[in-house]
């Protein structure tokens, strides 16, 4: 994998440490990090295409800013599939997965004072300290204090925030696809949910709503823009809704293959969206030429990538990724760059973990930097969305019914079925868009939310 090349990157100066947060607690069963007198169900990573529900120790307070919450709702994110596929480094057998969850406060450390027992809360998927340079500027996704992983530091040239349930590459924190979870810096990384926002709506403030909103506003979608979005999953769906909310005149959604059914699904929720199935284009037609035809031969004003660098359309990129020559394919990036009008904007929200090509194999780098430079394209890495920056605003929009998280939620499952749910989600089985996962602590389904599906 191209991640091994990080060792060749010059080391960087790391910021002065505050009192260190306790990292590398991916499962509470080891090193006396959990309460062994009580157990809980948790979904663990066991290797490529393998997850397992286990009984493991319940979390306990480790640091004085910790909050322990009972999980009342979690979900699967498209980026969890990168873990499932084994393409994210430093996952270890037994790590508890899941970075989107909500719950009820059960206990708090002596310096966690914002929330009390019984409060309903949703967690940010990223873990922020709240006090470093970036956190003070509401850029919590690059917190300087919550992820000391050296490989990540060297690969990216700077620190990124820790994340729940997303490998030791992001700090090694146990995730929320479980019945309890430890939330470090609980005062910073939790948001109280009001009574008029049920879990089935509030849960998605954890990631997908903030990520979609950030994709739209960070790429600069504005009044009258024509926006093309690659990927019709939950993030792409909500980015389409948010683009219209921010004044876009048209939104064109691109998907295909096993995900083609999602185009019709999104259109049933967002009637004004236009769609392109790249697997059904006429012979000799490309996504780029199709978008030019749809947009006065100039192309859209804005392109947003909501798919990720793991997914290739053509055979060349597919085999290069399979052989480890590429970590992330540049195929969709090139489509965006050549599709938008001159001086258009391209936002990258889908996860790209490392290099588009192993740096030691120079011939395989297909990134079209010439088009980027010569035609003035603005390429914007949207980053992992700084969730805390947006979640109060988005919570208000949910309360006003301006945004409708339930538009993307198709199924409710029990945590006991999570092994099967991952397999189904990975196949993009028809009708499975965004899910709500209940535990023994969950309330009954809220009005308008899906009923339980038993696998």
Protein backbone atom coordinates (compact mmCIF):
# COMPACT_ATOMS: atom_id res chain seq x y z
CA UNK A 1 0.00 0.00 0.00
CA UNK A 2 1.13 3.55 -0.69
CA UNK A 3 0.85 4.36 3.01
CA UNK A 4 4.27 2.75 3.46
CA UNK A 5 5.77 5.67 1.58
CA UNK A 6 4.99 7.96 4.53
CA UNK A 7 8.24 6.86 6.10
CA UNK A 8 10.06 8.82 3.41
CA UNK A 9 8.33 12.10 4.30
CA UNK A 10 10.36 14.57 6.35
CA UNK A 11 9.23 14.68 9.96
CA UNK A 12 7.33 17.71 11.21
CA UNK A 13 7.34 19.73 14.39
CA UNK A 14 4.41 18.76 16.54
CA UNK A 15 2.64 21.26 18.78
CA UNK A 16 3.29 21.47 22.48
CA UNK A 17 1.18 18.87 24.30
CA UNK A 18 -1.46 19.66 26.85
CA UNK A 19 -2.23 16.92 29.34
CA UNK A 20 -2.44 13.98 26.89
CA UNK A 21 -5.73 12.34 26.13
CA UNK A 22 -5.76 8.57 26.55
CA UNK A 23 -5.60 7.14 23.04
CA UNK A 24 -5.41 3.61 21.67
CA UNK A 25 -8.39 2.29 23.58
CA UNK A 26 -10.08 0.49 20.69
CA UNK A 27 -11.75 -2.11 22.89
CA UNK A 28 -12.40 -1.81 26.61
CA UNK A 29 -11.46 -5.44 27.33
CA UNK A 30 -7.70 -4.88 27.52
CA UNK A 31 -5.27 -3.04 29.81
CA UNK A 32 -7.88 -2.38 32.49
CA UNK A 33 -9.61 0.22 30.33
CA UNK A 34 -13.08 -1.18 30.91
CA UNK A 35 -15.46 -2.39 33.58
CA UNK A 36 -15.18 -6.17 33.45
CA UNK A 37 -18.04 -6.61 35.91
CA UNK A 38 -20.43 -5.60 33.12
CA UNK A 39 -20.41 -6.58 29.46
CA UNK A 40 -21.95 -5.13 26.34
CA UNK A 41 -22.52 -6.06 22.73
CA UNK A 42 -20.11 -4.39 20.30
CA UNK A 43 -19.28 -4.83 16.63
CA UNK A 44 -15.60 -5.54 16.07
CA UNK A 45 -13.33 -5.61 13.03
CA UNK A 46 -11.83 -9.04 12.39
CA UNK A 47 -10.10 -8.51 9.05
CA UNK A 48 -10.93 -7.75 5.46
CA UNK A 49 -14.65 -8.29 4.82
CA UNK A 50 -15.06 -9.65 8.34
CA UNK A 51 -16.84 -8.09 11.32
CA UNK A 52 -18.09 -9.85 14.46
CA UNK A 53 -20.53 -8.96 17.23
CA UNK A 54 -18.93 -9.79 20.57
CA UNK A 55 -19.57 -9.47 24.29
CA UNK A 56 -16.87 -7.25 25.71
CA UNK A 57 -16.18 -5.08 28.74
CA UNK A 58 -18.24 -1.94 29.20
CA UNK A 59 -16.27 1.36 29.12
CA UNK A 60 -15.41 3.30 32.23
CA UNK A 61 -14.09 6.79 32.98
CA UNK A 62 -10.37 6.96 32.17
CA UNK A 63 -9.67 10.70 31.87
CA UNK A 64 -11.35 13.37 33.97
CA UNK A 65 -13.06 14.93 30.93
CA UNK A 66 -14.64 11.64 29.78
CA UNK A 67 -18.37 11.03 29.47
CA UNK A 68 -19.86 7.54 29.27
CA UNK A 69 -23.08 7.28 27.28
CA UNK A 70 -25.56 4.51 26.70
CA UNK A 71 -25.97 4.15 22.93
CA UNK A 72 -29.56 4.58 21.76
CA UNK A 73 -28.79 4.83 18.04
CA UNK A 74 -25.93 4.29 15.62
CA UNK A 75 -25.57 3.75 11.89
CA UNK A 76 -23.22 2.60 9.13
CA UNK A 77 -21.43 5.25 7.12
CA UNK A 78 -20.17 4.71 3.59
CA UNK A 79 -16.69 5.40 4.92
CA UNK A 80 -17.05 2.40 7.27
CA UNK A 81 -16.85 0.28 4.14
CA UNK A 82 -13.24 1.42 3.67
CA UNK A 83 -12.52 -0.34 6.98
CA UNK A 84 -14.58 -3.34 5.90
CA UNK A 85 -12.57 -3.53 2.67
CA UNK A 86 -9.30 -3.37 4.59
CA UNK A 87 -7.95 -0.25 2.86
CA UNK A 88 -7.49 1.96 5.95
CA UNK A 89 -4.17 1.33 7.72
CA UNK A 90 -3.67 0.26 11.31
CA UNK A 91 -6.98 -1.47 11.95
CA UNK A 92 -6.45 -4.30 14.43
CA UNK A 93 -8.48 -7.40 15.06
CA UNK A 94 -11.00 -6.73 17.82
CA UNK A 95 -11.28 -2.95 17.33
CA UNK A 96 -14.82 -1.66 18.03
CA UNK A 97 -16.24 0.10 14.96
CA UNK A 98 -18.65 2.97 14.37
CA UNK A 99 -18.26 6.75 14.34
CA UNK A 100 -21.88 7.99 14.25
CA UNK A 101 -23.97 7.57 17.37
CA UNK A 102 -26.28 9.18 19.89
CA UNK A 103 -27.29 8.19 23.39
CA UNK A 104 -27.99 9.07 27.00
CA UNK A 105 -25.40 10.29 29.50
CA UNK A 106 -24.71 7.66 32.15
CA UNK A 107 -21.63 8.99 33.96
CA UNK A 108 -19.15 11.86 33.73
CA UNK A 109 -15.58 12.54 34.76
CA UNK A 110 -14.90 15.20 37.42
CA UNK A 111 -14.02 17.84 34.80
CA UNK A 112 -16.91 17.06 32.45
CA UNK A 113 -19.54 19.47 33.73
CA UNK A 114 -21.69 20.45 30.75
CA UNK A 115 -23.98 17.42 30.73
CA UNK A 116 -25.70 15.45 33.46
CA UNK A 117 -27.06 11.97 33.96
CA UNK A 118 -29.98 11.27 31.64
CA UNK A 119 -29.27 13.98 29.04
CA UNK A 120 -29.90 12.90 25.46
CA UNK A 121 -26.86 13.70 23.34
CA UNK A 122 -25.32 13.14 19.92
CA UNK A 123 -21.55 12.82 19.46
CA UNK A 124 -19.33 14.34 16.81
CA UNK A 125 -17.58 11.59 14.84
CA UNK A 126 -14.29 13.41 15.33
CA UNK A 127 -12.74 13.97 18.75
CA UNK A 128 -11.67 17.55 19.46
CA UNK A 129 -9.93 19.06 22.47
CA UNK A 130 -11.69 22.44 22.18
CA UNK A 131 -8.64 24.51 23.08
CA UNK A 132 -5.93 24.12 20.43
CA UNK A 133 -5.28 26.56 17.57
CA UNK A 134 -7.68 24.85 15.16
CA UNK A 135 -10.43 24.05 17.65
CA UNK A 136 -10.52 27.71 18.68
CA UNK A 137 -11.18 28.54 15.02
CA UNK A 138 -13.97 25.92 14.76
CA UNK A 139 -11.80 23.68 12.59
CA UNK A 140 -12.07 20.71 14.93
CA UNK A 141 -11.34 18.10 12.24
CA UNK A 142 -7.66 19.04 12.43
CA UNK A 143 -7.46 19.22 16.22
CA UNK A 144 -3.82 19.17 17.29
CA UNK A 145 -4.31 17.23 20.52
CA UNK A 146 -6.41 14.11 19.94
CA UNK A 147 -4.43 12.00 17.48
CA UNK A 148 -0.73 11.42 18.04
CA UNK A 149 -0.41 8.71 15.37
CA UNK A 150 2.99 9.22 13.73
CA UNK A 151 2.07 7.66 10.39
CA UNK A 152 -0.86 10.04 9.94
CA UNK A 153 1.25 13.02 11.00
CA UNK A 154 3.96 12.22 8.48
CA UNK A 155 1.63 11.29 5.63
CA UNK A 156 -0.42 14.49 5.83
CA UNK A 157 2.27 16.88 7.05
CA UNK A 158 0.13 17.92 10.03
CA UNK A 159 -2.16 16.46 12.63
CA UNK A 160 -5.75 15.45 12.12
CA UNK A 161 -8.31 14.85 14.84
CA UNK A 162 -8.93 11.51 16.45
CA UNK A 163 -12.06 9.67 15.35
CA UNK A 164 -14.31 7.13 16.95
CA UNK A 165 -14.05 3.58 15.63
CA UNK A 166 -11.76 4.39 12.72
CA UNK A 167 -8.44 2.62 13.31
CA UNK A 168 -5.28 3.47 15.20
CA UNK A 169 -4.44 5.74 12.26
CA UNK A 170 -7.00 8.13 13.80
CA UNK A 171 -6.07 7.59 17.44
CA UNK A 172 -7.40 4.13 18.17
CA UNK A 173 -10.65 5.10 19.91
CA UNK A 174 -13.41 2.53 20.42
CA UNK A 175 -16.46 3.27 18.31
CA UNK A 176 -20.18 3.54 18.85
CA UNK A 177 -21.54 0.45 17.10
CA UNK A 178 -21.98 -0.86 20.61
CA UNK A 179 -24.21 -0.49 23.65
CA UNK A 180 -21.96 1.97 25.52
CA UNK A 181 -19.12 4.26 24.51
CA UNK A 182 -16.52 6.46 26.18
CA UNK A 183 -16.49 10.02 24.80
CA UNK A 184 -13.22 11.89 25.51
CA UNK A 185 -13.59 15.64 26.08
CA UNK A 186 -17.31 15.07 26.50
CA UNK A 187 -18.12 18.75 27.02
CA UNK A 188 -16.69 19.49 23.55
CA UNK A 189 -17.76 16.46 21.55
CA UNK A 190 -21.39 16.06 22.60
CA UNK A 191 -24.46 18.09 21.69
CA UNK A 192 -27.67 17.94 23.72
CA UNK A 193 -30.73 16.86 21.76
CA UNK A 194 -33.99 18.68 22.56
CA UNK A 195 -37.20 16.78 23.18
CA UNK A 196 -38.63 17.69 19.77
CA UNK A 197 -35.75 16.00 17.90
CA UNK A 198 -35.97 12.19 18.13
CA UNK A 199 -32.89 10.02 17.85
CA UNK A 200 -33.79 9.06 14.29
CA UNK A 201 -33.23 12.69 13.28
CA UNK A 202 -30.61 13.83 15.77
CA UNK A 203 -28.26 10.89 15.21
CA UNK A 204 -27.19 12.13 11.79
CA UNK A 205 -25.78 15.36 13.22
CA UNK A 206 -22.92 13.06 14.20
CA UNK A 207 -21.52 13.02 10.67
CA UNK A 208 -23.58 12.81 7.47
CA UNK A 209 -25.50 16.08 7.84
CA UNK A 210 -22.44 18.11 8.80
CA UNK A 211 -20.33 16.43 6.13
CA UNK A 212 -22.89 17.14 3.41
CA UNK A 213 -23.38 20.73 4.55
CA UNK A 214 -19.63 21.31 4.66
CA UNK A 215 -19.25 19.91 1.13
CA UNK A 216 -21.74 22.46 -0.17
CA UNK A 217 -20.70 25.58 1.74
CA UNK A 218 -16.95 24.90 1.66
CA UNK A 219 -17.04 24.43 -2.12
CA UNK A 220 -18.98 27.68 -2.33
CA UNK A 221 -22.32 26.68 -3.84
CA UNK A 222 -24.26 29.91 -4.30
CA UNK A 223 -27.28 31.48 -6.00
CA UNK A 224 -27.83 30.23 -9.54
CA UNK A 225 -25.04 27.65 -9.61
CA UNK A 226 -25.34 24.42 -11.56
CA UNK A 227 -23.94 21.67 -9.33
CA UNK A 228 -22.82 18.17 -10.32
CA UNK A 229 -22.46 15.60 -7.52
CA UNK A 230 -20.62 12.29 -7.87
CA UNK A 231 -22.17 9.60 -5.64
CA UNK A 232 -25.87 9.16 -4.79
CA UNK A 233 -25.41 7.74 -1.31
CA UNK A 234 -26.59 9.54 1.83
CA UNK A 235 -23.90 12.26 1.65
CA UNK A 236 -24.57 12.88 -2.04
CA UNK A 237 -28.31 12.91 -1.39
CA UNK A 238 -28.09 15.47 1.39
CA UNK A 239 -25.53 17.53 -0.58
CA UNK A 240 -28.12 17.74 -3.35
CA UNK A 241 -30.77 18.96 -0.90
CA UNK A 242 -28.35 21.43 0.67
CA UNK A 243 -27.23 22.72 -2.74
CA UNK A 244 -30.80 23.71 -3.55
CA UNK A 245 -31.15 25.19 -0.06
CA UNK A 246 -28.09 27.36 -0.79
CA UNK A 247 -29.50 28.66 -4.07
CA UNK A 248 -28.37 26.20 -6.76
CA UNK A 249 -30.50 26.43 -9.90
CA UNK A 250 -29.80 22.83 -10.95
CA UNK A 251 -28.27 19.74 -9.36
CA UNK A 252 -27.07 16.79 -11.44
CA UNK A 253 -26.39 13.53 -9.57
CA UNK A 254 -24.02 10.90 -11.02
CA UNK A 255 -23.87 7.22 -10.05
CA UNK A 256 -24.09 3.82 -11.71
CA UNK A 257 -23.44 0.11 -11.52
CA UNK A 258 -24.61 -1.46 -8.26
CA UNK A 259 -25.48 2.01 -6.95
CA UNK A 260 -27.61 3.07 -9.91
CA UNK A 261 -30.88 2.41 -8.05
CA UNK A 262 -29.94 5.23 -5.67
CA UNK A 263 -30.44 7.76 -8.46
CA UNK A 264 -34.15 6.95 -8.56
CA UNK A 265 -34.26 6.82 -4.77
CA UNK A 266 -32.85 10.35 -4.42
CA UNK A 267 -35.09 11.66 -7.19
CA UNK A 268 -38.11 10.34 -5.29
CA UNK A 269 -37.05 12.54 -2.35
CA UNK A 270 -35.58 15.51 -4.27
CA UNK A 271 -37.82 15.77 -7.32
CA UNK A 272 -35.91 18.56 -9.08
CA UNK A 273 -32.59 16.69 -9.16
CA UNK A 274 -31.33 15.50 -12.55
CA UNK A 275 -29.47 12.21 -12.86
CA UNK A 276 -26.73 10.56 -14.93
CA UNK A 277 -26.16 6.80 -14.84
CA UNK A 278 -22.58 6.46 -16.09
CA UNK A 279 -23.14 2.76 -16.89
CA UNK A 280 -25.93 3.58 -19.36
CA UNK A 281 -24.32 6.33 -21.40
CA UNK A 282 -24.30 5.81 -25.20
CA UNK A 283 -21.20 4.24 -26.67
CA UNK A 284 -18.43 6.79 -26.96
CA UNK A 285 -20.08 9.09 -24.43
CA UNK A 286 -18.31 10.01 -21.18
CA UNK A 287 -19.58 11.61 -18.01
CA UNK A 288 -17.67 14.75 -18.98
CA UNK A 289 -19.22 15.00 -22.44
CA UNK A 290 -22.67 14.23 -21.04
CA UNK A 291 -22.37 17.04 -18.50
CA UNK A 292 -21.14 19.44 -21.18
CA UNK A 293 -24.19 18.59 -23.27
CA UNK A 294 -26.46 19.24 -20.31
CA UNK A 295 -24.80 22.58 -19.48
CA UNK A 296 -24.47 24.64 -22.69
CA UNK A 297 -21.22 22.90 -23.64
CA UNK A 298 -19.41 24.62 -20.75
CA UNK A 299 -20.16 22.25 -17.87
CA UNK A 300 -21.50 22.84 -14.37
CA UNK A 301 -20.24 25.62 -12.13
CA UNK A 302 -19.49 23.31 -9.22
CA UNK A 303 -18.53 19.63 -8.88
CA UNK A 304 -18.67 17.80 -5.55
CA UNK A 305 -17.18 14.34 -5.05
CA UNK A 306 -19.19 12.27 -2.55
CA UNK A 307 -18.04 8.79 -3.58
CA UNK A 308 -14.38 8.30 -2.45
CA UNK A 309 -11.06 7.41 -3.98
CA UNK A 310 -11.52 3.69 -3.48
CA UNK A 311 -14.08 3.30 -6.26
CA UNK A 312 -12.90 3.06 -9.85
CA UNK A 313 -15.06 3.11 -12.98
CA UNK A 314 -12.54 1.85 -15.55
CA UNK A 315 -10.61 -1.43 -15.63
CA UNK A 316 -7.18 0.22 -15.58
CA UNK A 317 -7.78 1.99 -12.28
CA UNK A 318 -9.57 -1.07 -10.90
CA UNK A 319 -6.57 -3.33 -11.44
CA UNK A 320 -4.03 -0.72 -10.30
CA UNK A 321 -5.97 -0.35 -7.05
CA UNK A 322 -6.31 -4.12 -6.69
CA UNK A 323 -2.55 -4.57 -7.16
CA UNK A 324 -1.70 -1.80 -4.67
CA UNK A 325 -0.20 0.47 -7.33
CA UNK A 326 -2.85 3.04 -6.45
CA UNK A 327 -4.21 3.67 -2.98
CA UNK A 328 -6.80 6.16 -4.25
CA UNK A 329 -7.83 6.42 -7.88
CA UNK A 330 -7.76 9.84 -9.52
CA UNK A 331 -10.49 8.86 -11.97
CA UNK A 332 -13.38 10.79 -10.43
CA UNK A 333 -11.18 13.78 -9.71
CA UNK A 334 -10.21 13.94 -13.37
CA UNK A 335 -13.85 13.70 -14.41
CA UNK A 336 -14.72 16.62 -12.18
CA UNK A 337 -11.81 18.74 -13.37
CA UNK A 338 -12.63 18.22 -17.04
CA UNK A 339 -16.40 18.50 -16.54
CA UNK A 340 -16.77 21.87 -14.81
CA UNK A 341 -16.63 25.13 -16.69
CA UNK A 342 -13.35 27.04 -16.79
CA UNK A 343 -12.62 28.56 -13.38
CA UNK A 344 -15.20 26.23 -11.87
CA UNK A 345 -14.93 24.73 -8.40
CA UNK A 346 -14.36 21.09 -7.43
CA UNK A 347 -14.91 19.98 -3.83
CA UNK A 348 -13.60 16.63 -2.56
CA UNK A 349 -15.62 15.19 0.31
CA UNK A 350 -15.36 11.45 -0.42
CA UNK A 351 -12.55 9.87 1.59
CA UNK A 352 -9.11 9.85 -0.03
CA UNK A 353 -6.69 8.25 2.38
CA UNK A 354 -3.27 8.66 0.77
CA UNK A 355 -1.63 8.85 -2.64
CA UNK A 356 -3.40 8.51 -5.99
CA UNK A 357 -0.33 6.46 -6.91
CA UNK A 358 2.58 4.81 -5.15
CA UNK A 359 5.23 7.59 -5.42
CA UNK A 360 7.88 5.05 -6.41
CA UNK A 361 5.92 4.14 -9.58
CA UNK A 362 5.88 7.40 -11.48
CA UNK A 363 4.23 6.09 -14.64
CA UNK A 364 0.91 5.36 -12.95
CA UNK A 365 0.10 8.89 -11.79
CA UNK A 366 -2.93 9.77 -13.91
CA UNK A 367 -3.91 12.99 -12.14
CA UNK A 368 -4.79 15.64 -14.75
CA UNK A 369 -2.96 18.57 -13.20
CA UNK A 370 -2.63 20.20 -16.63
CA UNK A 371 -6.39 20.73 -16.94
CA UNK A 372 -6.46 22.00 -13.35
CA UNK A 373 -3.82 24.65 -14.00
CA UNK A 374 -4.54 25.62 -17.59
CA UNK A 375 -8.29 26.20 -17.12
CA UNK A 376 -8.21 27.74 -13.66
CA UNK A 377 -10.07 25.04 -11.80
CA UNK A 378 -10.34 25.49 -8.04
CA UNK A 379 -9.70 22.09 -6.41
CA UNK A 380 -10.88 22.15 -2.82
CA UNK A 381 -10.23 19.42 -0.29
CA UNK A 382 -13.29 19.80 1.94
CA UNK A 383 -11.55 17.82 4.67
CA UNK A 384 -13.27 15.81 7.35
CA UNK A 385 -16.10 18.20 8.12
CA UNK A 386 -15.65 20.25 11.32
CA UNK A 387 -18.93 19.00 12.75
CA UNK A 388 -19.06 21.29 15.79
CA UNK A 389 -18.90 24.32 13.47
CA UNK A 390 -22.30 23.48 11.97
CA UNK A 391 -24.31 21.34 14.32
CA UNK A 392 -26.19 24.08 16.21
CA UNK A 393 -27.33 25.60 12.91
CA UNK A 394 -28.29 22.22 11.47
CA UNK A 395 -30.13 21.26 14.66
CA UNK A 396 -32.22 24.41 14.30
CA UNK A 397 -33.00 23.56 10.66
CA UNK A 398 -34.15 20.10 11.77
CA UNK A 399 -36.41 21.65 14.41
CA UNK A 400 -37.86 23.97 11.76
CA UNK A 401 -38.38 21.00 9.42
CA UNK A 402 -36.25 22.81 6.82
CA UNK A 403 -34.03 19.76 6.46
CA UNK A 404 -35.42 16.26 6.73
CA UNK A 405 -32.91 13.60 7.83
CA UNK A 406 -35.54 10.88 7.54
CA UNK A 407 -35.54 11.40 3.75
CA UNK A 408 -32.43 9.22 3.59
CA UNK A 409 -33.30 6.66 6.29
CA UNK A 410 -34.71 3.46 4.81
CA UNK A 411 -34.23 0.78 7.49
CA UNK A 412 -34.03 0.16 11.21
CA UNK A 413 -32.00 -2.80 12.45
CA UNK A 414 -31.05 -4.26 15.80
CA UNK A 415 -27.40 -4.30 16.79
CA UNK A 416 -27.59 -8.10 16.97
CA UNK A 417 -27.90 -8.19 13.16
CA UNK A 418 -24.97 -5.92 12.39
CA UNK A 419 -22.79 -8.61 10.81
CA UNK A 420 -25.50 -9.22 8.18
CA UNK A 421 -26.22 -5.51 7.79
CA UNK A 422 -22.59 -4.81 6.87
CA UNK A 423 -22.67 -7.51 4.21
CA UNK A 424 -25.91 -6.10 2.75
CA UNK A 425 -24.68 -2.51 2.93
CA UNK A 426 -21.47 -3.47 1.17
CA UNK A 427 -23.46 -4.97 -1.72
CA UNK A 428 -25.48 -1.75 -2.03
CA UNK A 429 -28.56 -3.90 -2.03
CA UNK A 430 -31.56 -2.18 -3.55
CA UNK A 431 -33.36 0.05 -1.10
CA UNK A 432 -30.70 0.15 1.63
CA UNK A 433 -29.67 3.83 1.83
CA UNK A 434 -29.14 5.03 5.41
CA UNK A 435 -29.93 2.87 8.43
CA UNK A 436 -30.74 3.36 12.10
CA UNK A 437 -29.31 0.76 14.47
CA UNK A 438 -31.07 0.24 17.79
CA UNK A 439 -29.76 -1.23 21.05
CA UNK A 440 -31.43 -2.40 24.25
CA UNK A 441 -31.36 1.26 25.35
CA UNK A 442 -33.30 2.62 22.36
CA UNK A 443 -36.78 4.13 22.45
CA UNK A 444 -39.47 2.74 20.11
CA UNK A 445 -39.39 4.12 16.55
CA UNK A 446 -40.40 7.77 16.29
CA UNK A 447 -43.34 8.79 14.07
CA UNK A 448 -42.31 8.65 10.41
CA UNK A 449 -39.20 6.56 11.09
CA UNK A 450 -38.77 3.03 9.66
CA UNK A 451 -39.96 0.10 11.75
CA UNK A 452 -37.59 -2.67 12.76
CA UNK A 453 -36.41 -5.03 10.01
CA UNK A 454 -35.24 -8.38 11.32
CA UNK A 455 -32.59 -10.21 9.30
